[in-house]
Amino acid sequence: MHRRAGPFALPLGRLVPLGGVSETVGVGPHPEPWPVGDHLDPELLAGGDRRNVVDRYRYWTVDAIRADLDPRRHPFHAAIENWEHDRNIGTVVRTANAFAAAAVHIVGRRRWNRRGAMMTDVYQHVRHHASVEDLATWASEEELPVVGVDNLPGAVPLETAELPERCVLLFGQEGPGLSEAARFAAAQVVSIAQFGSTRSINAGVAAGIAMHTWIRQWTPPAT
């Protein structure tokens, strides 16, 4: 199976007090003389960078980070239905950023709760589709098969499924799961094995499992 370029193997920068536990993520003001480059943000150099970014991007502008990520984004997309202001969407966006998804697609309501995204949405391409049909039309034009993720009768176990390299992973609303329209739009539906009493797992957790499965199938291990 073809495998893509590997990820960063960089630690998160933290300020750790002597004899204590780190409570502040990031780095303080950069010592002078400052480094020079259009990718650097003078305000961050002066005041410190407390953002949730890997060390490589310390003191970089948002535009520079996004531009640096673009050539290395993976060819899978993550889409989630948003009919009732699902609070899991922020988690999906944050996870998509961590796994360098090509884009995140919000299906349904345009507004979504950004709190769980932890500002990662500013580095991620996020698109809106008013309906599942709109998403399906866009995916068809881009020649991207839609893979639904839900524990439905007849679904293929994610643990044995081969995910397409270029695809849209579609997740349903927390609670009801994939809508009827989403099930119809999906070329394939995969399920996540469960062994307890609950019927389903959290939509944000399911999205993370599915995206990481794609990563395991199409990228080399981190070094």
N, C-alpha and C. Protein backbone atom coordinates (compact mmCIF):
# COMPACT_ATOMS: atom_id res chain seq x y z
N MET A 1 0.85 -1.19 0.00
CA MET A 1 0.00 0.00 0.00
C MET A 1 0.89 1.25 0.00
N HIS A 2 0.50 2.24 -0.80
CA HIS A 2 1.25 3.49 -0.87
C HIS A 2 1.18 4.21 0.47
N ARG A 3 2.30 4.74 0.93
CA ARG A 3 2.32 5.50 2.16
C ARG A 3 2.88 6.90 1.91
N ARG A 4 2.33 7.85 2.62
CA ARG A 4 2.67 9.24 2.40
C ARG A 4 3.77 9.68 3.36
N ALA A 5 4.19 10.92 3.19
CA ALA A 5 5.26 11.47 4.02
C ALA A 5 4.87 11.46 5.49
N GLY A 6 5.86 11.30 6.36
CA GLY A 6 5.60 11.19 7.78
C GLY A 6 5.30 12.52 8.44
N PRO A 7 4.85 12.48 9.71
CA PRO A 7 4.48 13.69 10.44
C PRO A 7 5.68 14.31 11.13
N PHE A 8 5.43 15.50 11.71
CA PHE A 8 6.45 16.08 12.57
C PHE A 8 6.61 15.20 13.80
N ALA A 9 7.82 15.09 14.32
CA ALA A 9 8.04 14.43 15.60
C ALA A 9 8.62 15.47 16.55
N LEU A 10 7.80 16.50 16.84
CA LEU A 10 8.27 17.63 17.63
C LEU A 10 7.47 17.72 18.92
N PRO A 11 8.12 18.06 20.03
CA PRO A 11 7.40 18.22 21.30
C PRO A 11 6.71 19.56 21.36
N LEU A 12 5.71 19.67 22.22
CA LEU A 12 5.08 20.95 22.48
C LEU A 12 5.97 21.74 23.43
N GLY A 13 6.15 23.03 23.14
CA GLY A 13 6.93 23.86 24.04
C GLY A 13 6.12 24.19 25.28
N ARG A 14 6.73 24.11 26.46
CA ARG A 14 6.04 24.43 27.69
C ARG A 14 6.97 25.20 28.62
N LEU A 15 6.38 26.07 29.40
CA LEU A 15 7.12 26.74 30.46
C LEU A 15 6.89 25.94 31.73
N VAL A 16 7.93 25.34 32.27
CA VAL A 16 7.79 24.48 33.43
C VAL A 16 8.47 25.12 34.63
N PRO A 17 7.72 25.48 35.66
CA PRO A 17 8.32 26.10 36.84
C PRO A 17 9.20 25.12 37.58
N LEU A 18 10.24 25.62 38.24
CA LEU A 18 11.15 24.77 38.97
C LEU A 18 10.38 23.97 40.02
N GLY A 19 10.55 22.63 39.97
CA GLY A 19 9.93 21.77 40.97
C GLY A 19 8.43 21.69 40.86
N GLY A 20 7.85 22.22 39.79
CA GLY A 20 6.41 22.20 39.65
C GLY A 20 5.95 21.54 38.38
N VAL A 21 4.64 21.55 38.18
CA VAL A 21 4.03 20.98 36.99
C VAL A 21 3.71 22.10 36.02
N SER A 22 3.93 21.87 34.73
CA SER A 22 3.67 22.90 33.74
C SER A 22 2.20 23.28 33.71
N GLU A 23 1.91 24.59 33.79
CA GLU A 23 0.55 25.06 33.69
C GLU A 23 0.37 25.98 32.49
N THR A 24 1.48 26.46 31.94
CA THR A 24 1.43 27.41 30.85
C THR A 24 2.03 26.80 29.59
N VAL A 25 1.21 26.67 28.57
CA VAL A 25 1.70 26.17 27.29
C VAL A 25 2.33 27.32 26.53
N GLY A 26 3.48 27.08 25.92
CA GLY A 26 4.07 28.09 25.06
C GLY A 26 5.44 28.55 25.52
N VAL A 27 5.85 29.67 24.96
CA VAL A 27 7.16 30.26 25.25
C VAL A 27 6.99 31.74 25.51
N GLY A 28 7.96 32.31 26.22
CA GLY A 28 7.91 33.72 26.52
C GLY A 28 8.47 34.57 25.39
N PRO A 29 8.67 35.85 25.63
CA PRO A 29 9.24 36.74 24.61
C PRO A 29 10.57 36.21 24.08
N HIS A 30 10.81 36.39 22.80
CA HIS A 30 12.05 35.89 22.20
C HIS A 30 13.20 36.81 22.58
N PRO A 31 14.35 36.25 23.01
CA PRO A 31 15.50 37.10 23.33
C PRO A 31 15.94 37.90 22.11
N GLU A 32 16.41 39.09 22.37
CA GLU A 32 16.95 39.90 21.27
C GLU A 32 18.42 39.54 21.05
N PRO A 33 18.92 39.66 19.82
CA PRO A 33 18.22 40.18 18.63
C PRO A 33 17.23 39.16 18.09
N TRP A 34 16.10 39.66 17.57
CA TRP A 34 15.06 38.79 17.04
C TRP A 34 15.49 38.18 15.70
N PRO A 35 15.04 36.97 15.42
CA PRO A 35 15.25 36.41 14.09
C PRO A 35 14.45 37.20 13.05
N VAL A 36 14.86 37.10 11.82
CA VAL A 36 14.23 37.88 10.75
C VAL A 36 13.52 36.94 9.79
N GLY A 37 12.33 37.32 9.35
CA GLY A 37 11.61 36.54 8.36
C GLY A 37 10.18 36.99 8.26
N ASP A 38 9.61 36.95 7.05
CA ASP A 38 8.22 37.36 6.85
C ASP A 38 7.23 36.44 7.56
N HIS A 39 7.67 35.23 7.91
CA HIS A 39 6.78 34.28 8.55
C HIS A 39 6.63 34.55 10.05
N LEU A 40 7.42 35.46 10.60
CA LEU A 40 7.43 35.73 12.03
C LEU A 40 6.51 36.89 12.38
N ASP A 41 5.88 36.80 13.55
CA ASP A 41 4.94 37.81 14.03
C ASP A 41 5.64 38.66 15.09
N PRO A 42 5.86 39.95 14.82
CA PRO A 42 6.57 40.80 15.78
C PRO A 42 5.89 40.86 17.15
N GLU A 43 4.56 40.81 17.18
CA GLU A 43 3.85 40.87 18.47
C GLU A 43 4.14 39.63 19.31
N LEU A 44 4.22 38.47 18.65
CA LEU A 44 4.53 37.24 19.38
C LEU A 44 5.98 37.23 19.83
N LEU A 45 6.86 37.72 19.00
CA LEU A 45 8.27 37.80 19.39
C LEU A 45 8.43 38.68 20.64
N ALA A 46 7.67 39.75 20.70
CA ALA A 46 7.78 40.69 21.81
C ALA A 46 7.08 40.19 23.07
N GLY A 47 5.92 39.58 22.89
CA GLY A 47 5.10 39.22 24.05
C GLY A 47 5.08 37.76 24.41
N GLY A 48 5.63 36.89 23.55
CA GLY A 48 5.58 35.46 23.81
C GLY A 48 4.49 34.78 23.00
N ASP A 49 4.61 33.49 22.86
CA ASP A 49 3.67 32.71 22.05
C ASP A 49 3.07 31.60 22.90
N ARG A 50 1.82 31.79 23.33
CA ARG A 50 1.14 30.81 24.19
C ARG A 50 0.18 29.91 23.42
N ARG A 51 0.25 29.93 22.12
CA ARG A 51 -0.71 29.17 21.31
C ARG A 51 -0.43 27.67 21.38
N ASN A 52 -1.47 26.90 21.07
CA ASN A 52 -1.35 25.44 21.03
C ASN A 52 -0.82 25.02 19.66
N VAL A 53 0.49 25.26 19.46
CA VAL A 53 1.14 24.87 18.21
C VAL A 53 2.43 24.13 18.54
N VAL A 54 2.90 23.30 17.61
CA VAL A 54 4.16 22.60 17.80
C VAL A 54 5.30 23.62 17.76
N ASP A 55 6.45 23.24 18.32
CA ASP A 55 7.56 24.18 18.46
C ASP A 55 8.02 24.77 17.13
N ARG A 56 7.88 24.01 16.06
CA ARG A 56 8.29 24.51 14.74
C ARG A 56 7.62 25.84 14.41
N TYR A 57 6.38 26.02 14.89
CA TYR A 57 5.61 27.19 14.51
C TYR A 57 5.60 28.29 15.57
N ARG A 58 6.46 28.19 16.56
CA ARG A 58 6.54 29.26 17.55
C ARG A 58 6.90 30.59 16.89
N TYR A 59 6.13 31.61 17.22
CA TYR A 59 6.32 33.00 16.75
C TYR A 59 5.90 33.20 15.28
N TRP A 60 5.38 32.15 14.61
CA TRP A 60 4.95 32.30 13.22
C TRP A 60 3.58 32.98 13.17
N THR A 61 3.31 33.67 12.08
CA THR A 61 1.98 34.23 11.86
C THR A 61 1.02 33.10 11.48
N VAL A 62 -0.27 33.37 11.67
CA VAL A 62 -1.29 32.38 11.30
C VAL A 62 -1.23 32.08 9.81
N ASP A 63 -1.10 33.10 8.98
CA ASP A 63 -1.04 32.90 7.53
C ASP A 63 0.17 32.05 7.14
N ALA A 64 1.29 32.27 7.80
CA ALA A 64 2.49 31.49 7.48
C ALA A 64 2.33 30.03 7.87
N ILE A 65 1.69 29.79 9.00
CA ILE A 65 1.46 28.40 9.43
C ILE A 65 0.53 27.70 8.45
N ARG A 66 -0.56 28.37 8.08
CA ARG A 66 -1.51 27.76 7.15
C ARG A 66 -0.84 27.47 5.80
N ALA A 67 -0.04 28.39 5.33
CA ALA A 67 0.63 28.21 4.04
C ALA A 67 1.65 27.07 4.11
N ASP A 68 2.31 26.92 5.24
CA ASP A 68 3.28 25.84 5.39
C ASP A 68 2.59 24.48 5.46
N LEU A 69 1.41 24.44 6.05
CA LEU A 69 0.65 23.18 6.15
C LEU A 69 0.06 22.75 4.81
N ASP A 70 -0.34 23.70 3.99
CA ASP A 70 -1.09 23.39 2.77
C ASP A 70 -0.44 22.33 1.88
N PRO A 71 0.85 22.42 1.56
CA PRO A 71 1.43 21.42 0.67
C PRO A 71 1.49 20.02 1.29
N ARG A 72 1.36 19.95 2.60
CA ARG A 72 1.52 18.66 3.28
C ARG A 72 0.21 18.09 3.81
N ARG A 73 -0.90 18.74 3.50
CA ARG A 73 -2.17 18.20 3.98
C ARG A 73 -2.47 16.88 3.29
N HIS A 74 -3.11 16.00 4.02
CA HIS A 74 -3.47 14.70 3.47
C HIS A 74 -4.73 14.82 2.61
N PRO A 75 -4.94 13.87 1.69
CA PRO A 75 -6.06 14.00 0.75
C PRO A 75 -7.41 13.48 1.26
N PHE A 76 -7.53 13.29 2.58
CA PHE A 76 -8.85 12.94 3.12
C PHE A 76 -9.49 14.19 3.72
N HIS A 77 -10.82 14.24 3.65
CA HIS A 77 -11.60 15.32 4.23
C HIS A 77 -12.46 14.76 5.35
N ALA A 78 -12.79 15.62 6.31
CA ALA A 78 -13.69 15.24 7.39
C ALA A 78 -14.94 16.10 7.30
N ALA A 79 -16.10 15.46 7.33
CA ALA A 79 -17.37 16.19 7.27
C ALA A 79 -18.25 15.74 8.43
N ILE A 80 -18.98 16.68 9.00
CA ILE A 80 -19.88 16.34 10.11
C ILE A 80 -21.19 17.09 9.96
N GLU A 81 -22.28 16.38 10.22
CA GLU A 81 -23.61 16.99 10.15
C GLU A 81 -23.84 17.86 11.38
N ASN A 82 -24.48 19.00 11.16
CA ASN A 82 -24.70 19.98 12.22
C ASN A 82 -26.13 20.51 12.13
N TRP A 83 -27.07 19.74 12.66
CA TRP A 83 -28.47 20.13 12.60
C TRP A 83 -28.94 20.72 13.94
N GLU A 84 -28.23 20.43 15.03
CA GLU A 84 -28.66 20.87 16.36
C GLU A 84 -27.51 21.51 17.13
N HIS A 85 -26.63 22.21 16.43
CA HIS A 85 -25.47 22.85 17.06
C HIS A 85 -24.65 21.84 17.86
N ASP A 86 -24.20 20.81 17.20
CA ASP A 86 -23.43 19.74 17.83
C ASP A 86 -22.14 20.29 18.43
N ARG A 87 -21.92 20.06 19.71
CA ARG A 87 -20.74 20.58 20.40
C ARG A 87 -19.48 19.76 20.08
N ASN A 88 -19.64 18.66 19.39
CA ASN A 88 -18.48 17.84 19.03
C ASN A 88 -17.71 18.39 17.84
N ILE A 89 -18.27 19.36 17.14
CA ILE A 89 -17.64 19.83 15.91
C ILE A 89 -16.26 20.42 16.18
N GLY A 90 -16.12 21.15 17.27
CA GLY A 90 -14.82 21.70 17.61
C GLY A 90 -13.77 20.62 17.78
N THR A 91 -14.16 19.51 18.41
CA THR A 91 -13.24 18.38 18.57
C THR A 91 -12.86 17.79 17.23
N VAL A 92 -13.83 17.68 16.33
CA VAL A 92 -13.55 17.15 14.99
C VAL A 92 -12.56 18.05 14.25
N VAL A 93 -12.76 19.36 14.35
CA VAL A 93 -11.86 20.31 13.68
C VAL A 93 -10.45 20.20 14.25
N ARG A 94 -10.35 20.15 15.56
CA ARG A 94 -9.03 20.05 16.20
C ARG A 94 -8.32 18.77 15.79
N THR A 95 -9.06 17.67 15.75
CA THR A 95 -8.47 16.38 15.35
C THR A 95 -8.06 16.41 13.88
N ALA A 96 -8.90 17.00 13.04
CA ALA A 96 -8.57 17.11 11.62
C ALA A 96 -7.30 17.91 11.42
N ASN A 97 -7.11 18.95 12.23
CA ASN A 97 -5.88 19.73 12.16
C ASN A 97 -4.69 18.88 12.58
N ALA A 98 -4.84 18.11 13.65
CA ALA A 98 -3.74 17.28 14.14
C ALA A 98 -3.30 16.25 13.10
N PHE A 99 -4.25 15.75 12.32
CA PHE A 99 -3.93 14.74 11.31
C PHE A 99 -3.80 15.33 9.92
N ALA A 100 -3.75 16.67 9.84
CA ALA A 100 -3.53 17.38 8.57
C ALA A 100 -4.53 16.97 7.49
N ALA A 101 -5.81 16.98 7.84
CA ALA A 101 -6.85 16.72 6.85
C ALA A 101 -6.88 17.84 5.83
N ALA A 102 -7.29 17.52 4.61
CA ALA A 102 -7.35 18.54 3.56
C ALA A 102 -8.30 19.67 3.95
N ALA A 103 -9.44 19.31 4.55
CA ALA A 103 -10.43 20.32 4.95
C ALA A 103 -11.46 19.66 5.86
N VAL A 104 -12.20 20.51 6.57
CA VAL A 104 -13.35 20.07 7.35
C VAL A 104 -14.59 20.68 6.73
N HIS A 105 -15.65 19.90 6.66
CA HIS A 105 -16.90 20.35 6.04
C HIS A 105 -18.02 20.29 7.07
N ILE A 106 -18.65 21.42 7.32
CA ILE A 106 -19.79 21.50 8.22
C ILE A 106 -21.06 21.40 7.38
N VAL A 107 -21.89 20.44 7.68
CA VAL A 107 -23.08 20.17 6.87
C VAL A 107 -24.32 20.53 7.69
N GLY A 108 -25.12 21.47 7.20
CA GLY A 108 -26.33 21.88 7.91
C GLY A 108 -26.22 23.32 8.37
N ARG A 109 -26.37 23.54 9.66
CA ARG A 109 -26.25 24.89 10.21
C ARG A 109 -24.84 25.44 10.00
N ARG A 110 -24.76 26.70 9.64
CA ARG A 110 -23.45 27.31 9.40
C ARG A 110 -22.71 27.55 10.71
N ARG A 111 -23.43 28.00 11.74
CA ARG A 111 -22.78 28.32 13.01
C ARG A 111 -22.48 27.05 13.79
N TRP A 112 -21.31 27.02 14.41
CA TRP A 112 -20.95 25.86 15.23
C TRP A 112 -20.12 26.33 16.41
N ASN A 113 -20.09 25.53 17.46
CA ASN A 113 -19.38 25.88 18.69
C ASN A 113 -17.88 25.69 18.50
N ARG A 114 -17.14 26.80 18.47
CA ARG A 114 -15.70 26.74 18.19
C ARG A 114 -14.85 26.49 19.43
N ARG A 115 -15.44 26.44 20.57
CA ARG A 115 -14.66 26.32 21.80
C ARG A 115 -13.77 25.07 21.80
N GLY A 116 -14.32 23.94 21.38
CA GLY A 116 -13.56 22.70 21.39
C GLY A 116 -12.45 22.66 20.37
N ALA A 117 -12.47 23.58 19.41
CA ALA A 117 -11.44 23.59 18.37
C ALA A 117 -10.12 24.16 18.89
N MET A 118 -10.16 24.88 20.01
CA MET A 118 -8.94 25.44 20.62
C MET A 118 -8.16 26.28 19.61
N MET A 119 -8.89 27.04 18.80
CA MET A 119 -8.30 27.96 17.80
C MET A 119 -7.63 27.24 16.62
N THR A 120 -7.73 25.92 16.54
CA THR A 120 -7.11 25.22 15.42
C THR A 120 -7.84 25.48 14.11
N ASP A 121 -9.08 25.99 14.18
CA ASP A 121 -9.82 26.27 12.96
C ASP A 121 -9.16 27.36 12.12
N VAL A 122 -8.34 28.22 12.75
CA VAL A 122 -7.70 29.29 11.99
C VAL A 122 -6.60 28.75 11.07
N TYR A 123 -6.10 27.55 11.36
CA TYR A 123 -5.07 26.94 10.53
C TYR A 123 -5.66 25.91 9.56
N GLN A 124 -6.95 25.64 9.69
CA GLN A 124 -7.59 24.57 8.94
C GLN A 124 -8.58 25.14 7.92
N HIS A 125 -8.68 24.53 6.76
CA HIS A 125 -9.70 24.94 5.80
C HIS A 125 -11.04 24.36 6.24
N VAL A 126 -12.01 25.23 6.49
CA VAL A 126 -13.34 24.82 6.95
C VAL A 126 -14.37 25.33 5.94
N ARG A 127 -15.15 24.40 5.40
CA ARG A 127 -16.16 24.76 4.40
C ARG A 127 -17.54 24.44 4.93
N HIS A 128 -18.55 25.12 4.40
CA HIS A 128 -19.93 24.89 4.82
C HIS A 128 -20.76 24.40 3.64
N HIS A 129 -21.62 23.45 3.92
CA HIS A 129 -22.59 22.94 2.93
C HIS A 129 -23.96 22.96 3.60
N ALA A 130 -24.93 23.56 2.94
CA ALA A 130 -26.25 23.70 3.54
C ALA A 130 -26.96 22.37 3.73
N SER A 131 -26.61 21.38 2.93
CA SER A 131 -27.29 20.09 3.00
C SER A 131 -26.31 18.97 2.65
N VAL A 132 -26.71 17.75 2.97
CA VAL A 132 -25.91 16.59 2.59
C VAL A 132 -25.82 16.49 1.08
N GLU A 133 -26.92 16.84 0.40
CA GLU A 133 -26.92 16.80 -1.06
C GLU A 133 -25.86 17.74 -1.64
N ASP A 134 -25.71 18.91 -1.03
CA ASP A 134 -24.68 19.86 -1.48
C ASP A 134 -23.29 19.28 -1.29
N LEU A 135 -23.07 18.65 -0.14
CA LEU A 135 -21.77 18.00 0.11
C LEU A 135 -21.52 16.90 -0.90
N ALA A 136 -22.54 16.09 -1.16
CA ALA A 136 -22.41 14.96 -2.09
C ALA A 136 -22.09 15.46 -3.50
N THR A 137 -22.73 16.55 -3.90
CA THR A 137 -22.46 17.13 -5.23
C THR A 137 -21.02 17.60 -5.32
N TRP A 138 -20.57 18.31 -4.29
CA TRP A 138 -19.18 18.78 -4.28
C TRP A 138 -18.21 17.60 -4.32
N ALA A 139 -18.46 16.58 -3.50
CA ALA A 139 -17.57 15.42 -3.46
C ALA A 139 -17.52 14.70 -4.81
N SER A 140 -18.66 14.62 -5.47
CA SER A 140 -18.71 13.97 -6.78
C SER A 140 -17.89 14.76 -7.80
N GLU A 141 -18.00 16.08 -7.74
CA GLU A 141 -17.23 16.92 -8.67
C GLU A 141 -15.72 16.78 -8.42
N GLU A 142 -15.35 16.54 -7.18
CA GLU A 142 -13.94 16.38 -6.82
C GLU A 142 -13.48 14.93 -6.92
N GLU A 143 -14.39 14.04 -7.31
CA GLU A 143 -14.10 12.60 -7.42
C GLU A 143 -13.62 12.03 -6.09
N LEU A 144 -14.33 12.41 -5.03
CA LEU A 144 -14.02 11.95 -3.68
C LEU A 144 -15.17 11.07 -3.19
N PRO A 145 -14.94 9.77 -2.97
CA PRO A 145 -15.99 8.94 -2.42
C PRO A 145 -16.31 9.33 -0.98
N VAL A 146 -17.57 9.27 -0.62
CA VAL A 146 -18.00 9.59 0.74
C VAL A 146 -18.07 8.29 1.55
N VAL A 147 -17.37 8.28 2.68
CA VAL A 147 -17.36 7.12 3.57
C VAL A 147 -18.06 7.52 4.86
N GLY A 148 -19.24 6.96 5.09
CA GLY A 148 -19.97 7.25 6.32
C GLY A 148 -19.41 6.44 7.47
N VAL A 149 -19.45 7.03 8.66
CA VAL A 149 -18.97 6.33 9.86
C VAL A 149 -20.12 6.26 10.85
N ASP A 150 -20.64 5.05 11.06
CA ASP A 150 -21.77 4.84 11.97
C ASP A 150 -21.95 3.35 12.18
N ASN A 151 -22.44 2.97 13.34
CA ASN A 151 -22.69 1.57 13.64
C ASN A 151 -24.08 1.18 13.14
N LEU A 152 -24.15 0.91 11.85
CA LEU A 152 -25.41 0.58 11.20
C LEU A 152 -25.39 -0.86 10.71
N PRO A 153 -26.56 -1.49 10.57
CA PRO A 153 -26.59 -2.84 10.00
C PRO A 153 -25.96 -2.86 8.61
N GLY A 154 -25.09 -3.82 8.37
CA GLY A 154 -24.43 -3.94 7.07
C GLY A 154 -23.17 -3.13 6.93
N ALA A 155 -22.83 -2.34 7.94
CA ALA A 155 -21.61 -1.52 7.86
C ALA A 155 -20.38 -2.43 7.90
N VAL A 156 -19.33 -2.01 7.20
CA VAL A 156 -18.07 -2.75 7.17
C VAL A 156 -17.25 -2.37 8.41
N PRO A 157 -16.73 -3.34 9.14
CA PRO A 157 -15.91 -3.00 10.31
C PRO A 157 -14.72 -2.13 9.92
N LEU A 158 -14.56 -1.01 10.60
CA LEU A 158 -13.45 -0.11 10.31
C LEU A 158 -12.12 -0.82 10.49
N GLU A 159 -12.08 -1.78 11.40
CA GLU A 159 -10.83 -2.48 11.70
C GLU A 159 -10.31 -3.30 10.53
N THR A 160 -11.19 -3.66 9.60
CA THR A 160 -10.78 -4.45 8.44
C THR A 160 -11.01 -3.73 7.12
N ALA A 161 -11.66 -2.57 7.17
CA ALA A 161 -11.96 -1.83 5.94
C ALA A 161 -10.70 -1.19 5.37
N GLU A 162 -10.65 -1.07 4.05
CA GLU A 162 -9.58 -0.32 3.39
C GLU A 162 -10.16 1.03 2.96
N LEU A 163 -9.73 2.07 3.63
CA LEU A 163 -10.23 3.40 3.31
C LEU A 163 -9.57 3.93 2.05
N PRO A 164 -10.32 4.61 1.19
CA PRO A 164 -9.70 5.22 0.01
C PRO A 164 -8.68 6.29 0.41
N GLU A 165 -7.64 6.45 -0.39
CA GLU A 165 -6.66 7.48 -0.08
C GLU A 165 -7.30 8.87 -0.18
N ARG A 166 -8.08 9.10 -1.22
CA ARG A 166 -8.82 10.35 -1.39
C ARG A 166 -10.27 10.08 -1.05
N CYS A 167 -10.78 10.70 -0.02
CA CYS A 167 -12.15 10.42 0.39
C CYS A 167 -12.66 11.51 1.32
N VAL A 168 -13.95 11.44 1.62
CA VAL A 168 -14.59 12.28 2.64
C VAL A 168 -15.10 11.35 3.72
N LEU A 169 -14.61 11.50 4.93
CA LEU A 169 -15.11 10.75 6.08
C LEU A 169 -16.26 11.55 6.66
N LEU A 170 -17.47 10.99 6.62
CA LEU A 170 -18.68 11.71 7.01
C LEU A 170 -19.21 11.17 8.34
N PHE A 171 -19.40 12.08 9.30
CA PHE A 171 -19.88 11.73 10.63
C PHE A 171 -21.23 12.38 10.88
N GLY A 172 -22.08 11.66 11.60
CA GLY A 172 -23.42 12.16 11.86
C GLY A 172 -23.51 13.00 13.11
N GLN A 173 -24.69 13.54 13.33
CA GLN A 173 -24.98 14.32 14.52
C GLN A 173 -24.88 13.44 15.76
N GLU A 174 -24.37 14.00 16.86
CA GLU A 174 -24.33 13.27 18.13
C GLU A 174 -25.75 12.84 18.49
N GLY A 175 -25.94 11.56 18.76
CA GLY A 175 -27.26 11.03 19.12
C GLY A 175 -27.85 10.21 17.98
N PRO A 176 -28.45 10.88 16.99
CA PRO A 176 -29.08 10.12 15.90
C PRO A 176 -28.09 9.50 14.92
N GLY A 177 -26.86 9.99 14.88
CA GLY A 177 -25.89 9.45 13.91
C GLY A 177 -26.15 9.98 12.51
N LEU A 178 -25.72 9.21 11.53
CA LEU A 178 -25.89 9.64 10.14
C LEU A 178 -27.37 9.78 9.78
N SER A 179 -27.70 10.90 9.14
CA SER A 179 -29.07 11.10 8.67
C SER A 179 -29.37 10.18 7.50
N GLU A 180 -30.63 10.08 7.16
CA GLU A 180 -31.01 9.25 6.01
C GLU A 180 -30.33 9.72 4.74
N ALA A 181 -30.25 11.03 4.57
CA ALA A 181 -29.60 11.59 3.39
C ALA A 181 -28.12 11.24 3.37
N ALA A 182 -27.49 11.26 4.54
CA ALA A 182 -26.06 10.93 4.62
C ALA A 182 -25.82 9.46 4.29
N ARG A 183 -26.69 8.61 4.77
CA ARG A 183 -26.56 7.18 4.46
C ARG A 183 -26.70 6.93 2.96
N PHE A 184 -27.59 7.67 2.33
CA PHE A 184 -27.79 7.51 0.90
C PHE A 184 -26.58 8.03 0.12
N ALA A 185 -25.96 9.11 0.62
CA ALA A 185 -24.83 9.72 -0.09
C ALA A 185 -23.55 8.91 0.05
N ALA A 186 -23.47 8.08 1.07
CA ALA A 186 -22.23 7.35 1.35
C ALA A 186 -22.04 6.18 0.37
N ALA A 187 -20.86 6.12 -0.23
CA ALA A 187 -20.51 4.98 -1.07
C ALA A 187 -20.24 3.75 -0.22
N GLN A 188 -19.88 3.98 1.03
CA GLN A 188 -19.55 2.91 1.97
C GLN A 188 -19.80 3.43 3.38
N VAL A 189 -20.26 2.56 4.25
CA VAL A 189 -20.42 2.90 5.66
C VAL A 189 -19.57 1.94 6.48
N VAL A 190 -18.76 2.51 7.39
CA VAL A 190 -17.91 1.68 8.25
C VAL A 190 -18.36 1.85 9.69
N SER A 191 -18.13 0.82 10.49
CA SER A 191 -18.52 0.83 11.90
C SER A 191 -17.30 0.62 12.77
N ILE A 192 -17.37 1.10 14.01
CA ILE A 192 -16.29 0.95 14.97
C ILE A 192 -16.69 -0.09 16.00
N ALA A 193 -15.86 -1.10 16.19
CA ALA A 193 -16.17 -2.19 17.11
C ALA A 193 -16.29 -1.66 18.54
N GLN A 194 -17.32 -2.11 19.25
CA GLN A 194 -17.55 -1.74 20.64
C GLN A 194 -17.82 -3.01 21.45
N PHE A 195 -17.50 -2.96 22.72
CA PHE A 195 -17.59 -4.17 23.54
C PHE A 195 -18.32 -3.96 24.86
N GLY A 196 -18.88 -2.77 25.06
CA GLY A 196 -19.59 -2.49 26.29
C GLY A 196 -21.09 -2.46 26.08
N SER A 197 -21.80 -1.75 26.95
CA SER A 197 -23.26 -1.73 26.90
C SER A 197 -23.82 -0.57 26.08
N THR A 198 -23.02 0.46 25.83
CA THR A 198 -23.55 1.63 25.11
C THR A 198 -23.74 1.33 23.63
N ARG A 199 -24.78 1.94 23.06
CA ARG A 199 -25.08 1.70 21.65
C ARG A 199 -24.08 2.39 20.73
N SER A 200 -23.57 3.54 21.19
CA SER A 200 -22.67 4.30 20.33
C SER A 200 -21.67 5.06 21.17
N ILE A 201 -20.60 5.52 20.54
CA ILE A 201 -19.62 6.35 21.23
C ILE A 201 -19.76 7.80 20.76
N ASN A 202 -19.14 8.69 21.50
CA ASN A 202 -19.20 10.11 21.20
C ASN A 202 -18.75 10.38 19.76
N ALA A 203 -19.45 11.29 19.08
CA ALA A 203 -19.15 11.56 17.67
C ALA A 203 -17.73 12.09 17.49
N GLY A 204 -17.25 12.92 18.41
CA GLY A 204 -15.89 13.43 18.32
C GLY A 204 -14.86 12.32 18.48
N VAL A 205 -15.14 11.38 19.39
CA VAL A 205 -14.24 10.24 19.57
C VAL A 205 -14.22 9.36 18.33
N ALA A 206 -15.41 9.10 17.78
CA ALA A 206 -15.52 8.27 16.56
C ALA A 206 -14.74 8.91 15.41
N ALA A 207 -14.81 10.23 15.31
CA ALA A 207 -14.09 10.93 14.24
C ALA A 207 -12.59 10.75 14.41
N GLY A 208 -12.10 10.84 15.65
CA GLY A 208 -10.68 10.65 15.90
C GLY A 208 -10.21 9.26 15.55
N ILE A 209 -11.02 8.25 15.89
CA ILE A 209 -10.66 6.87 15.58
C ILE A 209 -10.60 6.66 14.07
N ALA A 210 -11.60 7.18 13.37
CA ALA A 210 -11.66 6.99 11.92
C ALA A 210 -10.51 7.71 11.22
N MET A 211 -10.22 8.93 11.64
CA MET A 211 -9.12 9.67 11.00
C MET A 211 -7.79 9.00 11.28
N HIS A 212 -7.61 8.50 12.50
CA HIS A 212 -6.35 7.83 12.81
C HIS A 212 -6.22 6.52 12.05
N THR A 213 -7.33 5.86 11.79
CA THR A 213 -7.29 4.65 10.95
C THR A 213 -6.79 4.99 9.55
N TRP A 214 -7.26 6.12 9.01
CA TRP A 214 -6.75 6.56 7.69
C TRP A 214 -5.26 6.81 7.78
N ILE A 215 -4.82 7.48 8.83
CA ILE A 215 -3.40 7.77 9.01
C ILE A 215 -2.59 6.48 9.06
N ARG A 216 -3.06 5.49 9.79
CA ARG A 216 -2.33 4.22 9.91
C ARG A 216 -2.23 3.51 8.57
N GLN A 217 -3.24 3.67 7.72
CA GLN A 217 -3.25 2.98 6.45
C GLN A 217 -2.42 3.69 5.39
N TRP A 218 -2.29 5.02 5.52
CA TRP A 218 -1.70 5.77 4.41
C TRP A 218 -0.46 6.57 4.75
N THR A 219 -0.02 6.60 6.01
CA THR A 219 1.20 7.33 6.35
C THR A 219 2.13 6.43 7.14
N PRO A 220 3.43 6.72 7.11
CA PRO A 220 4.37 5.92 7.90
C PRO A 220 4.26 6.26 9.36
N PRO A 221 4.77 5.40 10.23
CA PRO A 221 4.73 5.69 11.68
C PRO A 221 5.58 6.91 12.00
N ALA A 222 5.21 7.60 13.08
CA ALA A 222 6.01 8.73 13.55
C ALA A 222 7.36 8.23 14.04
N THR A 223 8.41 9.02 13.84
CA THR A 223 9.73 8.65 14.30
C THR A 223 10.25 9.67 15.30
